[in-house]
N, C-alpha and C. Protein backbone atom coordinates (compact mmCIF):
# COMPACT_ATOMS: atom_id res chain seq x y z
N MET A 1 1.03 -1.20 -0.06
CA MET A 1 0.11 0.04 0.22
C MET A 1 0.87 1.49 -0.09
N LYS A 2 0.77 2.28 -1.12
CA LYS A 2 1.11 3.39 -0.88
C LYS A 2 1.02 4.19 0.59
N PRO A 3 2.03 4.78 1.33
CA PRO A 3 1.85 5.52 2.55
C PRO A 3 1.27 6.85 2.45
N GLY A 4 0.32 7.15 3.13
CA GLY A 4 -0.43 8.13 3.11
C GLY A 4 -1.24 8.87 2.54
N ILE A 5 -2.02 7.91 1.47
CA ILE A 5 -3.38 8.22 0.40
C ILE A 5 -4.79 7.46 1.23
N HIS A 6 -4.33 6.50 2.09
CA HIS A 6 -5.34 5.72 2.86
C HIS A 6 -5.98 6.40 3.97
N PRO A 7 -7.24 6.42 4.13
CA PRO A 7 -7.87 6.75 5.46
C PRO A 7 -7.48 5.95 6.53
N VAL A 8 -7.52 6.43 7.73
CA VAL A 8 -6.69 5.80 8.92
C VAL A 8 -8.29 5.06 9.27
N SER A 9 -8.15 3.97 9.75
CA SER A 9 -9.02 2.72 10.52
C SER A 9 -9.11 3.00 11.72
N ARG A 10 -9.82 2.96 12.45
CA ARG A 10 -9.68 3.11 13.78
C ARG A 10 -11.41 2.28 14.49
N PRO A 11 -11.37 1.93 15.85
CA PRO A 11 -12.67 1.36 16.32
C PRO A 11 -13.43 2.27 16.50
N VAL A 12 -15.04 1.84 15.80
CA VAL A 12 -16.17 2.56 15.87
C VAL A 12 -17.22 1.69 16.32
N VAL A 13 -18.13 2.66 17.30
CA VAL A 13 -19.59 1.44 17.62
C VAL A 13 -20.46 2.05 16.75
N PHE A 14 -21.24 1.39 16.03
CA PHE A 14 -22.10 1.37 15.17
C PHE A 14 -23.70 0.86 16.42
N ARG A 15 -24.55 1.92 16.08
CA ARG A 15 -26.01 1.23 17.01
C ARG A 15 -27.04 1.22 15.96
N ASP A 16 -27.76 -0.23 15.99
CA ASP A 16 -28.77 0.04 15.30
C ASP A 16 -29.99 0.38 15.67
N ARG A 17 -30.62 1.53 15.21
CA ARG A 17 -31.59 2.09 16.09
C ARG A 17 -33.19 1.24 15.92
N ALA A 18 -33.25 0.60 15.14
CA ALA A 18 -34.17 -0.16 15.07
C ALA A 18 -34.21 -1.27 16.09
N ALA A 19 -33.41 -2.09 16.05
CA ALA A 19 -33.13 -3.16 17.53
C ALA A 19 -32.52 -2.74 18.47
N GLY A 20 -31.91 -1.82 18.59
CA GLY A 20 -31.27 -1.22 19.97
C GLY A 20 -29.92 -2.00 20.20
N ALA A 21 -29.28 -2.46 19.14
CA ALA A 21 -28.27 -3.52 19.04
C ALA A 21 -26.86 -2.41 18.96
N THR A 22 -26.04 -2.82 19.70
CA THR A 22 -24.48 -2.11 19.28
C THR A 22 -23.51 -2.86 19.29
N PHE A 23 -22.60 -2.51 18.36
CA PHE A 23 -21.40 -3.46 17.99
C PHE A 23 -20.15 -2.55 17.68
N LEU A 24 -19.21 -3.09 17.72
CA LEU A 24 -17.87 -2.61 17.69
C LEU A 24 -17.28 -2.81 16.66
N THR A 25 -16.51 -2.08 15.89
CA THR A 25 -15.83 -2.66 14.33
C THR A 25 -15.13 -1.65 14.32
N ARG A 26 -14.30 -1.69 13.35
CA ARG A 26 -13.20 -1.17 12.42
C ARG A 26 -13.78 -0.07 11.39
N SER A 27 -13.73 1.18 11.34
CA SER A 27 -14.18 1.95 10.05
C SER A 27 -13.26 2.91 9.97
N THR A 28 -13.66 3.83 8.89
CA THR A 28 -12.89 5.00 8.59
C THR A 28 -14.04 6.24 8.48
N VAL A 29 -15.20 6.01 9.01
CA VAL A 29 -16.22 7.21 8.89
C VAL A 29 -15.77 8.03 10.07
N HIS A 30 -16.20 9.29 9.84
CA HIS A 30 -15.99 10.39 10.75
C HIS A 30 -17.05 10.70 11.67
N THR A 31 -17.27 10.95 12.67
CA THR A 31 -18.23 11.36 13.73
C THR A 31 -18.05 12.42 14.60
N SER A 32 -18.72 12.99 15.36
CA SER A 32 -18.32 13.86 16.45
C SER A 32 -19.05 13.54 17.64
N ARG A 33 -20.07 12.40 17.23
CA ARG A 33 -20.68 12.08 18.68
C ARG A 33 -19.93 10.19 19.17
N THR A 34 -19.95 10.69 20.57
CA THR A 34 -18.92 9.32 21.21
C THR A 34 -20.07 8.60 22.30
N ILE A 35 -19.88 7.37 22.54
CA ILE A 35 -20.28 6.60 23.26
C ILE A 35 -19.18 5.72 24.13
N GLU A 36 -19.17 5.47 25.38
CA GLU A 36 -18.57 4.70 26.20
C GLU A 36 -19.07 2.84 25.94
N TRP A 37 -17.97 2.40 25.85
CA TRP A 37 -18.35 0.96 25.30
C TRP A 37 -17.83 0.06 26.53
N GLU A 38 -18.40 -1.23 26.37
CA GLU A 38 -18.28 -2.16 27.57
C GLU A 38 -16.75 -2.36 28.37
N ASP A 39 -16.07 -1.80 27.70
CA ASP A 39 -14.80 -2.28 28.03
C ASP A 39 -14.26 -0.78 28.93
N GLY A 40 -14.94 0.33 28.84
CA GLY A 40 -14.34 1.45 29.65
C GLY A 40 -14.07 2.60 28.81
N ASN A 41 -13.57 2.11 27.77
CA ASN A 41 -13.01 3.29 26.76
C ASN A 41 -14.22 3.79 25.95
N THR A 42 -13.83 5.04 25.58
CA THR A 42 -15.01 5.94 24.75
C THR A 42 -14.59 6.21 23.30
N TYR A 43 -15.49 5.69 22.33
CA TYR A 43 -15.54 5.57 20.99
C TYR A 43 -16.23 6.25 20.24
N PRO A 44 -16.02 6.84 18.82
CA PRO A 44 -16.87 7.35 18.06
C PRO A 44 -18.22 6.53 17.58
N LEU A 45 -19.52 7.42 17.69
CA LEU A 45 -20.70 6.41 17.61
C LEU A 45 -21.51 6.80 16.12
N ILE A 46 -22.03 5.79 15.76
CA ILE A 46 -22.75 6.04 14.39
C ILE A 46 -24.06 5.24 14.49
N ASP A 47 -24.89 6.17 14.49
CA ASP A 47 -26.40 5.30 14.36
C ASP A 47 -26.87 5.05 12.97
N VAL A 48 -27.26 3.53 12.87
CA VAL A 48 -27.87 3.44 11.49
C VAL A 48 -28.66 2.68 11.66
N GLU A 49 -29.99 2.84 10.30
CA GLU A 49 -31.28 2.46 10.55
C GLU A 49 -31.42 1.00 10.82
N THR A 50 -30.68 0.27 9.88
CA THR A 50 -30.88 -1.13 9.46
C THR A 50 -29.52 -1.98 9.95
N SER A 51 -29.32 -2.85 10.62
CA SER A 51 -27.85 -3.87 10.70
C SER A 51 -28.38 -5.23 10.12
N SER A 52 -27.15 -6.26 10.77
CA SER A 52 -27.82 -7.40 10.68
C SER A 52 -28.68 -7.67 11.94
N ALA A 53 -28.90 -7.33 12.93
CA ALA A 53 -29.68 -7.35 14.10
C ALA A 53 -31.23 -7.13 13.72
N SER A 54 -31.54 -6.58 12.90
CA SER A 54 -33.02 -5.92 12.59
C SER A 54 -33.47 -6.29 10.97
N HIS A 55 -32.74 -6.39 10.41
CA HIS A 55 -32.80 -6.65 8.91
C HIS A 55 -33.67 -8.01 8.73
N PRO A 56 -34.67 -8.00 7.67
CA PRO A 56 -35.62 -9.24 7.65
C PRO A 56 -34.64 -10.48 7.26
N PHE A 57 -33.82 -10.13 6.33
CA PHE A 57 -32.81 -11.25 5.70
C PHE A 57 -32.11 -12.15 6.66
N TYR A 58 -31.47 -11.29 7.62
CA TYR A 58 -30.63 -11.90 9.01
C TYR A 58 -31.50 -12.61 10.04
N THR A 59 -32.54 -11.89 10.12
CA THR A 59 -32.96 -12.54 11.43
C THR A 59 -34.42 -13.48 11.06
N GLY A 60 -34.59 -13.79 9.94
CA GLY A 60 -35.43 -14.51 9.50
C GLY A 60 -36.91 -14.67 9.70
N THR A 61 -37.29 -13.00 10.00
CA THR A 61 -38.74 -12.60 9.82
C THR A 61 -38.50 -12.20 8.60
N SER A 62 -40.29 -12.21 8.10
CA SER A 62 -41.22 -12.04 6.77
C SER A 62 -41.51 -10.89 7.18
N ARG A 63 -42.12 -10.00 6.23
CA ARG A 63 -42.99 -9.02 5.94
C ARG A 63 -44.10 -9.57 4.82
N ILE A 64 -45.35 -9.62 5.47
CA ILE A 64 -46.36 -10.09 4.69
C ILE A 64 -47.06 -8.73 4.09
N LEU A 65 -47.46 -9.24 2.72
CA LEU A 65 -48.11 -7.81 1.87
C LEU A 65 -49.15 -7.91 1.73
N ASP A 66 -50.36 -7.04 1.39
CA ASP A 66 -51.38 -7.51 1.38
C ASP A 66 -51.92 -7.23 -0.50
N THR A 67 -51.06 -8.14 -0.93
CA THR A 67 -51.17 -8.17 -2.23
C THR A 67 -52.53 -8.37 -3.08
N THR A 68 -53.74 -8.97 -2.20
CA THR A 68 -55.04 -8.93 -2.59
C THR A 68 -55.42 -7.54 -2.83
N GLY A 69 -55.29 -6.77 -2.13
CA GLY A 69 -55.91 -5.50 -2.29
C GLY A 69 -55.63 -4.73 -3.25
N ARG A 70 -53.94 -4.80 -3.57
CA ARG A 70 -53.26 -4.10 -4.51
C ARG A 70 -54.03 -4.61 -5.99
N VAL A 71 -54.08 -6.03 -5.86
CA VAL A 71 -54.53 -6.68 -7.31
C VAL A 71 -56.14 -5.98 -7.49
N GLU A 72 -56.56 -6.06 -6.92
CA GLU A 72 -57.88 -5.28 -6.78
C GLU A 72 -58.32 -4.00 -7.32
N ARG A 73 -57.33 -3.00 -6.43
CA ARG A 73 -57.15 -2.24 -6.97
C ARG A 73 -56.60 -1.51 -8.41
N PHE A 74 -55.76 -2.85 -8.80
CA PHE A 74 -54.72 -2.45 -10.07
C PHE A 74 -55.89 -3.14 -10.95
N GLU A 75 -56.79 -3.87 -10.88
CA GLU A 75 -58.04 -4.23 -11.99
C GLU A 75 -58.98 -3.33 -12.18
N ARG A 76 -59.50 -2.42 -10.96
CA ARG A 76 -60.16 -1.55 -11.35
C ARG A 76 -60.00 -0.28 -11.73
N ARG A 77 -58.88 0.05 -11.55
CA ARG A 77 -58.01 1.31 -12.06
C ARG A 77 -57.81 1.13 -13.59
N TYR A 78 -57.71 -0.45 -14.15
CA TYR A 78 -57.44 -0.60 -15.68
C TYR A 78 -58.36 -1.15 -16.35
N GLY A 79 -59.76 -1.18 -15.58
CA GLY A 79 -61.07 -1.79 -16.20
C GLY A 79 -60.73 -3.24 -16.68
N ARG A 80 -60.33 -4.06 -15.97
CA ARG A 80 -60.35 -5.43 -16.05
C ARG A 80 -61.11 -6.11 -14.85
N PRO A 81 -62.43 -6.90 -15.62
CA PRO A 81 -63.00 -7.29 -14.16
C PRO A 81 -62.34 -8.13 -13.03
N ALA A 82 -62.88 -7.70 -11.92
CA ALA A 82 -62.27 -8.49 -10.70
C ALA A 82 -62.62 -10.17 -10.92
N SER A 83 -63.34 -10.27 -11.42
CA SER A 83 -63.77 -12.24 -11.70
C SER A 83 -63.35 -12.63 -12.81
N ALA A 84 -62.74 -11.79 -13.73
CA ALA A 84 -62.32 -12.51 -15.14
C ALA A 84 -60.43 -13.15 -14.96
N GLY A 85 -60.67 -14.55 -15.48
CA GLY A 85 -59.22 -15.08 -15.24
C GLY A 85 -59.01 -15.56 -14.16
N ARG A 86 -60.18 -15.60 -13.20
CA ARG A 86 -60.00 -16.53 -11.93
C ARG A 86 -60.52 -17.43 -12.10
């Protein structure tokens, strides 16, 4: 690696706002917010909306969408009768 052209990587705490989970990892992101970690040290803090702690792919939870209502609305809007083709 060329010296002097890469950003400095340091320990940073990421907090998932949806799940309330926090994890310590290395990052080059900059922030003015800090948090005291479990080891007693203070680290920069980054709030994220979604992480592996709250994302449905990683948690195994799924969201059920009301597709029936959407299909009926689509058929009403574009003139196709609701009973045709079923």
